[in-house]
Amino acid sequence: MSHSCPRFGLILSATIHPSATAGLRIALADDLIATLEANGLTLAANVTANERSRLEYSIAREGSQVTHTDHQLVLTWAERWTHVASVSVSDLVDLDDD
C-alpha cells in the first residue's frame, strides 16, 4: 500500500480584538491575501459558523511545500497586525493529515 506524500503548510489563527473596526478587519484579510499571493502561497479558510472575531486559515504552496522561509514570512506579517488581532502561526504541519 502506498502513502501519499505529506503536504506541508501552516495554520494561521487570529482572534480579532474587540476594538478593531470592520475596516481594520478587512484590511488585515486583504493584506494577508496580498502577502501570500505575492510569495506564491495560497490560503483556505477554516470557517467556524458565525465567528466574526475568530479566523483560521490553512496556508499552502501550490505544487510544492511550504518552507521555513515561508513560515518566517507569515510570522513577520503577523507582527505587523498585533494592533488588530492576536495571531498565532503553527509550525509546519501536514495539511492532509486527519
Protein backbone atom coordinates (compact mmCIF):
# COMPACT_ATOMS: atom_id res chain seq x y z
CA MET A 1 0.00 0.00 0.00
CA SER A 2 1.47 3.35 -0.95
CA HIS A 3 1.04 6.50 1.06
CA SER A 4 0.81 9.92 -0.49
CA CYS A 5 3.47 12.47 0.29
CA PRO A 6 2.68 14.95 3.03
CA ARG A 7 1.51 18.42 2.01
CA PHE A 8 3.28 20.70 4.43
CA GLY A 9 1.69 24.01 5.24
CA LEU A 10 0.77 26.31 8.10
CA ILE A 11 -2.29 27.02 10.18
CA LEU A 12 -2.83 30.69 10.98
CA SER A 13 -5.28 31.51 13.78
CA ALA A 14 -6.33 35.05 14.58
CA THR A 15 -8.59 36.48 17.23
CA ILE A 16 -9.70 39.96 16.28
CA HIS A 17 -9.51 42.49 19.11
CA PRO A 18 -12.93 43.83 20.16
CA SER A 19 -11.72 47.38 19.49
CA ALA A 20 -10.86 46.60 15.84
CA THR A 21 -13.15 48.28 13.34
CA ALA A 22 -14.69 46.48 10.38
CA GLY A 23 -12.29 48.42 8.14
CA LEU A 24 -9.28 47.11 10.05
CA ARG A 25 -10.59 43.54 9.88
CA ILE A 26 -10.96 43.87 6.11
CA ALA A 27 -7.51 45.46 5.79
CA LEU A 28 -5.95 42.60 7.76
CA ALA A 29 -7.52 39.97 5.49
CA ASP A 30 -6.66 41.89 2.31
CA ASP A 31 -3.05 42.34 3.40
CA LEU A 32 -2.71 38.67 4.31
CA ILE A 33 -4.02 37.61 0.90
CA ALA A 34 -1.74 40.08 -0.92
CA THR A 35 1.32 38.98 1.07
CA LEU A 36 0.68 35.30 0.46
CA GLU A 37 -0.13 35.69 -3.24
CA ALA A 38 2.99 37.83 -3.81
CA ASN A 39 5.04 34.95 -2.42
CA GLY A 40 3.35 32.06 -4.25
CA LEU A 41 1.29 30.88 -1.29
CA THR A 42 -2.40 30.01 -1.16
CA LEU A 43 -4.98 30.45 1.56
CA ALA A 44 -8.03 28.41 2.53
CA ALA A 45 -10.42 29.48 5.27
CA ASN A 46 -11.27 27.06 8.04
CA VAL A 47 -14.52 28.77 8.97
CA THR A 48 -16.46 28.29 12.17
CA ALA A 49 -20.04 29.46 11.69
CA ASN A 50 -20.84 32.94 12.99
CA GLU A 51 -17.39 33.56 14.41
CA ARG A 52 -16.51 37.02 13.12
CA SER A 53 -13.85 37.57 15.76
CA ARG A 54 -12.01 34.28 15.17
CA LEU A 55 -10.30 33.42 11.90
CA GLU A 56 -8.41 30.29 10.94
CA TYR A 57 -6.64 29.68 7.65
CA SER A 58 -4.61 26.89 6.08
CA ILE A 59 -1.64 28.24 4.12
CA ALA A 60 -0.06 26.12 1.40
CA ARG A 61 2.11 26.39 -1.69
CA GLU A 62 0.58 25.14 -4.92
CA GLY A 63 2.60 22.24 -6.33
CA SER A 64 5.26 22.39 -3.60
CA GLN A 65 5.77 22.50 0.15
CA VAL A 66 5.69 25.48 2.48
CA THR A 67 9.21 26.14 3.79
CA HIS A 68 10.68 27.57 6.96
CA THR A 69 11.31 30.78 4.99
CA ASP A 70 7.57 30.94 4.24
CA HIS A 71 6.87 30.37 7.93
CA GLN A 72 9.08 33.33 8.81
CA LEU A 73 7.31 35.48 6.20
CA VAL A 74 3.92 34.75 7.79
CA LEU A 75 5.28 35.39 11.31
CA THR A 76 6.64 38.75 10.15
CA TRP A 77 3.27 39.58 8.58
CA ALA A 78 1.51 38.70 11.86
CA GLU A 79 3.77 41.04 13.84
CA ARG A 80 2.53 43.96 11.72
CA TRP A 81 -1.10 43.31 12.75
CA THR A 82 -0.85 42.96 16.53
CA HIS A 83 -2.91 46.14 16.94
CA VAL A 84 -5.84 44.42 15.18
CA ALA A 85 -5.60 40.77 16.24
CA SER A 86 -3.78 38.19 18.30
CA VAL A 87 -2.28 35.94 15.65
CA SER A 88 -0.61 32.56 16.04
CA VAL A 89 1.09 30.59 13.29
CA SER A 90 1.69 26.86 13.61
CA ASP A 91 4.92 25.12 12.83
CA LEU A 92 4.93 23.24 9.53
CA VAL A 93 2.15 20.63 9.57
CA ASP A 94 0.81 18.06 7.15
CA LEU A 95 -2.38 19.73 5.91
CA ASP A 96 -3.72 16.40 4.64
CA ASP A 97 -3.26 14.65 8.00
CA ASP A 98 -6.67 13.99 9.50
